Protein backbone atom coordinates (compact mmCIF):
# COMPACT_ATOMS: atom_id res chain seq x y z
CA UNK A 1 217.63 171.70 129.10
CA UNK A 2 221.07 171.49 127.52
CA UNK A 3 221.55 169.68 124.22
CA UNK A 4 223.04 166.48 125.68
CA UNK A 5 220.02 166.03 127.92
CA UNK A 6 217.56 166.65 125.09
CA UNK A 7 219.41 164.11 122.96
CA UNK A 8 219.31 161.62 125.82
CA UNK A 9 215.60 162.23 126.38
CA UNK A 10 214.98 161.33 122.72
CA UNK A 11 217.09 158.16 122.91
CA UNK A 12 215.99 156.48 126.14
CA UNK A 13 213.24 153.90 126.33
CA UNK A 14 210.28 155.76 127.83
CA UNK A 15 209.41 156.04 130.65
CA UNK A 16 212.83 156.62 132.13
CA UNK A 17 214.72 158.62 134.70
CA UNK A 18 217.85 160.49 133.70
CA UNK A 19 220.26 161.67 136.37
CA UNK A 20 223.22 163.97 135.80
CA UNK A 21 226.58 163.39 137.48
CA UNK A 22 227.68 166.88 136.44
CA UNK A 23 224.63 168.55 137.98
CA UNK A 24 225.15 166.56 141.19
CA UNK A 25 228.79 167.65 141.40
CA UNK A 26 227.78 171.27 140.81
CA UNK A 27 225.24 171.13 143.61
CA UNK A 28 227.84 169.69 146.00
CA UNK A 29 230.34 172.41 145.08
CA UNK A 30 227.75 175.13 145.67
CA UNK A 31 226.98 173.89 149.18
CA UNK A 32 230.62 173.29 150.08
CA UNK A 33 231.58 176.80 148.96
CA UNK A 34 228.75 178.29 151.00
CA UNK A 35 229.56 176.41 154.22
CA UNK A 36 233.34 176.44 153.98
CA UNK A 37 236.13 173.91 154.27
CA UNK A 38 235.64 173.46 158.03
CA UNK A 39 232.14 172.05 157.50
CA UNK A 40 231.70 168.48 156.30
CA UNK A 41 228.82 167.84 153.94
CA UNK A 42 226.91 164.56 153.96
CA UNK A 43 224.63 163.07 151.30
CA UNK A 44 221.59 161.24 152.65
CA UNK A 45 221.26 158.49 150.06
CA UNK A 46 217.59 157.82 150.76
CA UNK A 47 216.88 160.75 148.44
CA UNK A 48 218.37 158.84 145.50
CA UNK A 49 220.83 155.94 145.90
CA UNK A 50 221.60 155.93 142.16
CA UNK A 51 223.52 159.18 142.56
CA UNK A 52 225.87 157.41 144.96
CA UNK A 53 227.59 155.96 141.88
CA UNK A 54 228.64 159.51 140.96
CA UNK A 55 229.49 160.79 144.45
CA UNK A 56 231.55 164.01 144.20
CA UNK A 57 234.70 164.41 146.28
CA UNK A 58 233.12 167.28 148.22
CA UNK A 59 231.13 164.78 150.30
CA UNK A 60 232.97 163.74 153.45
CA UNK A 61 230.14 161.50 154.60
CA UNK A 62 227.04 159.68 153.41
CA UNK A 63 224.06 158.84 155.60
CA UNK A 64 222.76 155.26 155.40
CA UNK A 65 219.44 154.42 157.05
CA UNK A 66 218.73 150.75 156.29
CA UNK A 67 220.36 147.37 155.62
CA UNK A 68 219.40 147.74 151.95
CA UNK A 69 221.20 151.06 151.65
CA UNK A 70 224.22 149.52 153.37
CA UNK A 71 224.18 146.73 150.79
CA UNK A 72 224.20 149.33 147.99
CA UNK A 73 227.27 150.89 149.58
CA UNK A 74 228.91 147.48 149.74
CA UNK A 75 228.15 146.82 146.06
CA UNK A 76 229.66 150.19 145.09
CA UNK A 77 232.67 149.61 147.39
CA UNK A 78 232.01 152.78 149.34
CA UNK A 79 234.65 153.45 151.99
CA UNK A 80 232.97 152.55 155.31
CA UNK A 81 234.80 155.45 156.94
CA UNK A 82 232.48 157.74 154.96
CA UNK A 83 229.30 156.11 156.29
CA UNK A 84 227.12 157.38 159.12
CA UNK A 85 224.78 154.49 159.92
CA UNK A 86 221.51 156.08 160.96
CA UNK A 87 217.79 155.22 160.91
CA UNK A 88 214.99 154.87 163.43
CA UNK A 89 214.79 151.06 163.12
CA UNK A 90 218.05 149.28 163.92
CA UNK A 91 218.36 145.71 165.13
CA UNK A 92 221.35 144.11 166.81
CA UNK A 93 221.97 142.05 163.66
CA UNK A 94 221.93 145.16 161.46
CA UNK A 95 224.36 146.98 163.72
CA UNK A 96 226.60 143.89 163.67
CA UNK A 97 226.52 143.87 159.86
CA UNK A 98 227.45 147.56 159.68
CA UNK A 99 230.32 147.02 162.11
CA UNK A 100 231.58 144.03 160.14
CA UNK A 101 231.66 146.19 157.02
CA UNK A 102 233.85 148.67 158.88
CA UNK A 103 231.33 151.37 159.82
CA UNK A 104 232.43 153.17 162.97
CA UNK A 105 230.09 156.17 163.15
CA UNK A 106 226.50 155.40 164.12
CA UNK A 107 223.55 157.35 165.45
CA UNK A 108 221.49 156.22 168.43
CA UNK A 109 217.76 156.95 168.30
CA UNK A 110 217.08 155.14 171.56
CA UNK A 111 218.75 153.49 174.52
CA UNK A 112 218.31 150.16 172.70
CA UNK A 113 220.39 151.48 169.81
CA UNK A 114 223.14 152.56 172.15
CA UNK A 115 223.16 149.10 173.72
CA UNK A 116 223.27 147.37 170.31
CA UNK A 117 226.23 149.52 169.28
CA UNK A 118 227.99 148.82 172.57
CA UNK A 119 227.45 145.07 172.22
CA UNK A 120 228.77 145.01 168.66
CA UNK A 121 231.79 147.19 169.41
CA UNK A 122 232.76 145.31 172.57
CA UNK A 123 232.44 141.94 170.85
CA UNK A 124 234.74 143.08 168.04
CA UNK A 125 237.18 144.95 170.24
CA UNK A 126 236.70 148.23 168.39
CA UNK A 127 235.60 151.74 169.32
CA UNK A 128 232.37 153.08 167.82
CA UNK A 129 231.64 156.78 167.59
CA UNK A 130 228.05 157.52 168.55
CA UNK A 131 225.90 160.55 167.82
CA UNK A 132 222.77 160.59 169.98
CA UNK A 133 219.76 161.90 168.11
CA UNK A 134 217.96 164.75 169.83
CA UNK A 135 214.22 164.64 169.25
CA UNK A 136 212.01 167.49 168.12
CA UNK A 137 208.51 166.43 169.22
CA UNK A 138 208.38 163.39 166.94
CA UNK A 139 209.07 159.66 167.00
CA UNK A 140 212.68 160.28 166.04
CA UNK A 141 215.47 160.48 168.59
CA UNK A 142 215.18 161.06 172.33
CA UNK A 143 214.12 164.02 174.41
CA UNK A 144 216.61 166.24 176.19
CA UNK A 145 216.36 164.49 179.55
CA UNK A 146 217.07 161.04 178.07
CA UNK A 147 219.98 162.36 176.02
CA UNK A 148 221.50 163.85 179.16
CA UNK A 149 220.86 160.68 181.18
CA UNK A 150 222.63 158.48 178.63
CA UNK A 151 225.57 160.85 178.32
CA UNK A 152 225.90 160.90 182.11
CA UNK A 153 225.79 157.08 182.10
CA UNK A 154 228.08 156.65 179.08
CA UNK A 155 230.54 154.49 181.04
CA UNK A 156 227.86 151.77 181.05
CA UNK A 157 228.24 151.31 177.28
CA UNK A 158 231.73 149.89 176.68
CA UNK A 159 233.07 150.15 173.18
CA UNK A 160 231.20 153.37 172.48
CA UNK A 161 232.49 156.90 172.43
CA UNK A 162 229.59 159.34 172.54
CA UNK A 163 230.92 162.13 170.35
CA UNK A 164 227.93 164.44 170.14
CA UNK A 165 224.47 165.04 168.74
CA UNK A 166 222.43 164.22 165.64
CA UNK A 167 219.63 166.72 164.95
CA UNK A 168 217.12 166.91 162.12
CA UNK A 169 213.62 168.34 162.52
CA UNK A 170 212.06 168.20 159.06
CA UNK A 171 212.32 169.08 155.40
CA UNK A 172 211.24 171.77 152.94
CA UNK A 173 212.09 174.72 155.18
CA UNK A 174 211.55 177.88 153.15
CA UNK A 175 212.48 180.29 155.95
CA UNK A 176 216.21 180.50 156.71
CA UNK A 177 215.44 182.11 160.07
CA UNK A 178 213.98 178.79 161.20
CA UNK A 179 217.30 177.08 160.53
CA UNK A 180 219.24 179.88 162.25
CA UNK A 181 217.03 179.43 165.34
CA UNK A 182 217.70 175.70 165.33
CA UNK A 183 221.45 176.31 165.34
CA UNK A 184 220.95 178.65 168.30
CA UNK A 185 218.99 175.94 170.16
CA UNK A 186 221.74 173.44 169.43
CA UNK A 187 224.32 175.84 170.80
CA UNK A 188 222.25 176.27 173.95
CA UNK A 189 221.89 172.50 174.40
CA UNK A 190 225.63 171.99 174.01
CA UNK A 191 226.13 174.67 176.67
CA UNK A 192 223.83 172.72 179.01
CA UNK A 193 225.79 169.52 178.43
CA UNK A 194 229.01 171.29 179.36
CA UNK A 195 227.59 173.04 182.41
CA UNK A 196 225.57 170.13 183.82
CA UNK A 197 227.61 167.10 182.77
CA UNK A 198 231.04 168.51 181.94
CA UNK A 199 230.58 166.88 178.53
CA UNK A 200 231.99 168.69 175.51
CA UNK A 201 230.45 167.59 172.22
CA UNK A 202 233.05 167.01 169.54
CA UNK A 203 230.71 166.35 166.60
CA UNK A 204 227.24 167.36 165.44
CA UNK A 205 225.37 165.98 162.46
CA UNK A 206 222.74 168.52 161.48
CA UNK A 207 220.14 168.27 158.73
CA UNK A 208 219.11 171.71 157.55
CA UNK A 209 215.99 170.59 155.66
CA UNK A 210 216.56 173.38 153.14
CA UNK A 211 213.64 173.66 150.73
CA UNK A 212 213.64 172.81 147.04
CA UNK A 213 211.40 174.90 144.79
CA UNK A 214 209.79 172.43 142.42
CA UNK A 215 207.44 174.79 140.59
CA UNK A 216 209.29 178.13 140.43
CA UNK A 217 210.96 179.29 137.21
CA UNK A 218 213.68 180.97 139.32
CA UNK A 219 214.15 177.96 141.61
CA UNK A 220 217.95 177.96 141.43
CA UNK A 221 218.15 181.60 142.51
CA UNK A 222 215.72 181.08 145.40
CA UNK A 223 217.59 178.05 146.68
CA UNK A 224 220.98 179.76 146.40
CA UNK A 225 219.60 182.75 148.31
CA UNK A 226 218.43 180.57 151.21
CA UNK A 227 221.75 178.75 151.25
CA UNK A 228 223.66 182.01 151.44
CA UNK A 229 221.41 183.30 154.22
CA UNK A 230 222.27 180.42 156.54
CA UNK A 231 225.93 180.11 155.55
CA UNK A 232 227.14 182.55 158.21
CA UNK A 233 225.64 180.70 161.16
CA UNK A 234 226.73 177.34 159.75
CA UNK A 235 230.32 178.54 159.46
CA UNK A 236 230.22 180.00 162.95
CA UNK A 237 228.82 176.80 164.45
CA UNK A 238 231.51 174.74 162.71
CA UNK A 239 234.10 176.69 164.71
CA UNK A 240 232.68 175.15 167.89
CA UNK A 241 232.29 171.50 166.83
CA UNK A 242 233.18 169.24 163.93
CA UNK A 243 229.99 169.93 162.01
CA UNK A 244 228.52 167.64 159.39
CA UNK A 245 225.62 169.11 157.42
CA UNK A 246 223.40 166.35 156.04
CA UNK A 247 220.94 166.84 153.19
CA UNK A 248 219.35 164.64 150.56
CA UNK A 249 216.60 166.44 148.66
CA UNK A 250 218.57 169.69 148.32
CA UNK A 251 221.48 167.89 146.67
CA UNK A 252 219.52 165.49 144.47
CA UNK A 253 216.28 167.12 143.31
CA UNK A 254 217.71 169.37 140.55
CA UNK A 255 219.88 166.54 139.19
CA UNK A 256 217.15 164.36 137.69
CA UNK A 257 214.53 164.32 134.93
CA UNK A 258 211.63 161.96 134.21
CA UNK A 259 210.96 161.23 130.54
CA UNK A 260 207.39 160.29 129.58
CA UNK A 261 205.76 159.74 126.19
CA UNK A 262 202.28 160.92 125.19
CA UNK A 263 200.41 157.72 124.35
CA UNK A 264 196.91 159.16 123.81
CA UNK A 265 195.14 162.52 123.50
CA UNK A 266 191.48 163.42 123.83
CA UNK A 267 189.15 166.37 124.25
CA UNK A 268 186.66 165.72 127.04
CA UNK A 269 184.03 168.21 128.18
CA UNK A 270 185.95 171.21 126.93
CA UNK A 271 189.36 170.12 128.19
CA UNK A 272 192.43 168.69 126.43
CA UNK A 273 193.81 165.54 128.06
CA UNK A 274 197.10 163.81 127.35
CA UNK A 275 197.66 160.30 128.67
CA UNK A 276 201.31 159.57 129.47
CA UNK A 277 203.17 156.31 129.93
CA UNK A 278 204.22 157.47 133.39
CA UNK A 279 202.22 158.92 136.24
CA UNK A 280 202.24 159.78 139.92
CA UNK A 281 203.71 156.39 140.78
CA UNK A 282 206.93 157.60 139.15
CA UNK A 283 206.92 161.17 140.37
CA UNK A 284 207.23 162.79 143.78
CA UNK A 285 206.98 166.56 143.81
CA UNK A 286 206.79 167.59 147.43
CA UNK A 287 203.92 170.06 147.85
CA UNK A 288 202.02 169.08 144.71
CA UNK A 289 198.27 168.79 145.33
CA UNK A 290 196.31 166.79 142.76
CA UNK A 291 198.30 168.27 139.89
CA UNK A 292 197.23 171.85 140.62
CA UNK A 293 200.79 173.15 140.44
CA UNK A 294 202.68 172.95 137.16
CA UNK A 295 206.27 171.72 137.27
CA UNK A 296 208.90 172.76 134.75
CA UNK A 297 208.31 170.62 131.65
CA UNK A 298 210.22 170.38 128.37
CA UNK A 299 208.19 169.31 125.31
CA UNK A 300 210.09 167.30 122.70
CA UNK A 301 208.10 166.75 119.53
CA UNK A 302 208.07 163.48 117.63
CA UNK A 303 208.44 165.17 114.27
CA UNK A 304 205.04 166.80 113.86
CA UNK A 305 204.34 170.51 113.52
CA UNK A 306 204.53 172.81 116.51
CA UNK A 307 202.81 175.65 114.66
CA UNK A 308 199.69 177.34 115.97
CA UNK A 309 198.60 178.71 119.29
CA UNK A 310 199.46 177.25 122.66
CA UNK A 311 196.71 175.23 124.32
CA UNK A 312 196.09 174.24 127.92
CA UNK A 313 196.45 170.54 128.64
CA UNK A 314 195.80 168.26 131.58
CA UNK A 315 198.57 165.68 131.82
CA UNK A 316 197.50 162.32 133.26
CA UNK A 317 199.37 159.15 133.97
CA UNK A 318 198.62 155.50 133.32
CA UNK A 319 196.92 154.58 136.60
CA UNK A 320 193.22 153.82 136.91
CA UNK A 321 192.52 156.55 139.44
CA UNK A 322 191.38 160.15 139.07
CA UNK A 323 194.23 161.07 141.42
CA UNK A 324 196.74 160.40 138.64
CA UNK A 325 196.86 163.97 137.37
CA UNK A 326 200.36 165.35 136.98
CA UNK A 327 199.49 168.88 135.87
CA UNK A 328 196.39 170.85 134.96
CA UNK A 329 196.52 173.81 132.60
CA UNK A 330 200.02 173.20 131.26
CA UNK A 331 200.60 175.08 128.00
CA UNK A 332 201.84 173.30 124.87
CA UNK A 333 201.89 174.04 121.18
CA UNK A 334 201.10 171.09 118.94
CA UNK A 335 201.19 168.42 121.65
CA UNK A 336 200.46 165.07 120.03
CA UNK A 337 200.80 161.33 120.45
CA UNK A 338 204.39 160.15 120.34
CA UNK A 339 205.76 163.41 121.74
CA UNK A 340 207.89 163.29 124.85
CA UNK A 341 207.45 165.45 127.91
CA UNK A 342 210.35 165.75 130.35
CA UNK A 343 209.65 166.68 133.95
CA UNK A 344 212.44 168.59 135.67
CA UNK A 345 213.64 168.30 139.29
CA UNK A 346 212.75 164.66 139.78
CA UNK A 347 216.18 163.71 141.12
CA UNK A 348 215.05 163.24 144.74
CA UNK A 349 212.60 160.61 145.98
CA UNK A 350 210.65 160.17 142.71
CA UNK A 351 212.54 157.02 141.79
CA UNK A 352 211.71 155.48 145.18
CA UNK A 353 208.75 157.16 146.85
CA UNK A 354 206.11 156.72 144.17
CA UNK A 355 203.57 153.96 144.82
CA UNK A 356 205.34 151.95 142.16
CA UNK A 357 203.54 148.62 142.61
CA UNK A 358 200.04 149.99 141.95
CA UNK A 359 198.46 148.52 138.77
CA UNK A 360 201.56 146.40 138.22
CA UNK A 361 203.04 148.89 135.76
CA UNK A 362 206.71 148.25 135.00
CA UNK A 363 209.32 150.28 136.85
CA UNK A 364 211.15 152.72 134.55
CA UNK A 365 214.68 152.37 133.30
CA UNK A 366 217.33 154.54 134.94
CA UNK A 367 220.12 156.30 133.06
CA UNK A 368 223.05 158.48 134.08
CA UNK A 369 224.64 161.26 132.09
CA UNK A 370 228.25 160.98 133.25
CA UNK A 371 230.71 163.84 133.61
CA UNK A 372 231.37 163.68 129.86
CA UNK A 373 227.61 163.78 129.16
CA UNK A 374 227.74 160.21 127.85
CA UNK A 375 224.51 158.29 128.50
CA UNK A 376 224.87 155.11 130.57
CA UNK A 377 222.18 152.60 131.52
CA UNK A 378 222.10 152.03 135.29
CA UNK A 379 218.98 149.89 135.59
CA UNK A 380 216.82 148.24 132.95
CA UNK A 381 213.05 148.27 133.13
CA UNK A 382 211.70 145.97 135.87
CA UNK A 383 208.56 143.91 135.40
CA UNK A 384 206.49 144.76 138.48
CA UNK A 385 204.09 141.84 137.94
CA UNK A 386 206.67 139.39 139.21
CA UNK A 387 206.66 141.20 142.57
CA UNK A 388 202.86 141.24 142.77
CA UNK A 389 202.60 137.51 142.07
CA UNK A 390 205.62 135.85 143.59
CA UNK A 391 206.31 132.15 143.08
CA UNK A 392 205.01 131.35 146.57
CA UNK A 393 201.67 132.97 145.73
CA UNK A 394 201.48 131.23 142.36
CA UNK A 395 201.97 127.93 144.13
CA UNK A 396 198.65 128.38 145.91
CA UNK A 397 196.74 128.28 142.63
């Protein structure tokens, strides 16, 4: 951790997330340099909407998957021309709202979606660009035959211009060859569309699902190596179509830290335990199983001595469940109450995917280190109890 981040971790009210605008910009530059100027890069904001406030210029597009995410874009005055309105659950009203905001690129996960987009575009007298999502044996998108049927029948959807395909099969892909094979399958499918329907795709939105290494000390090197291994086929594919590469986790994960404070220590049955003011409801490390893998952690002492030998500690959160184990066997020297422990690579999903309402613990504050490494408060602590006992429920008592 660099000095500005350590200083920030000492200053913030624990527990808290800290996100770095500079780290986010660096990640975007790395991907853009790998894929080249002819490839658009897209940030999927579901990974961390807070980073949208520090969106680097390298991003041509952002993917929005819900009315709530669209509202965040509206609040931040995001240019609607940058938005790809996606998501498996779209209603006519939600499509109307997106269109009214000025969004003109939308994905269609079903025939219903295509009809909603057509209705909204025709009613407003505008043209909507549609990317039909191709399924990969899941609930998302449509299978090959339905995609072809709708493209063949595209004249039945006035106001829409079917521009191409949206394709994403899953996340945390550690084998670049899997991604290279997917690009080959996409090429083959585009060939079929040309041969069978005389339809030439102009655009493809493709999610690589590149893996993030949460527990490796050489994570940056591993991730850069995978990126470089697929860069050739990405660049080649972008010569055929206007390619947008969409990712969320890969951009956001290394750009965030979770600050927790040790609130209690004990020695039970031969093991050292530290109780933290955070827990699994604030942390989402993909691939972690009951705290058996140890993430990268920085220990910031509260002023006490760090002399002596390192000891193995089990780090536990604040929830009343034995599942709330963050790490077992993590080594610390002189860990004591009042110390802070900072968990690295919590920039993606942690702030949203944790089961935050459990036990009615407050939601953490959120801070951003801006490009000048100045610390800015983005969200104050939220009292979760008011969500778990709304006024309507209180009225029953």
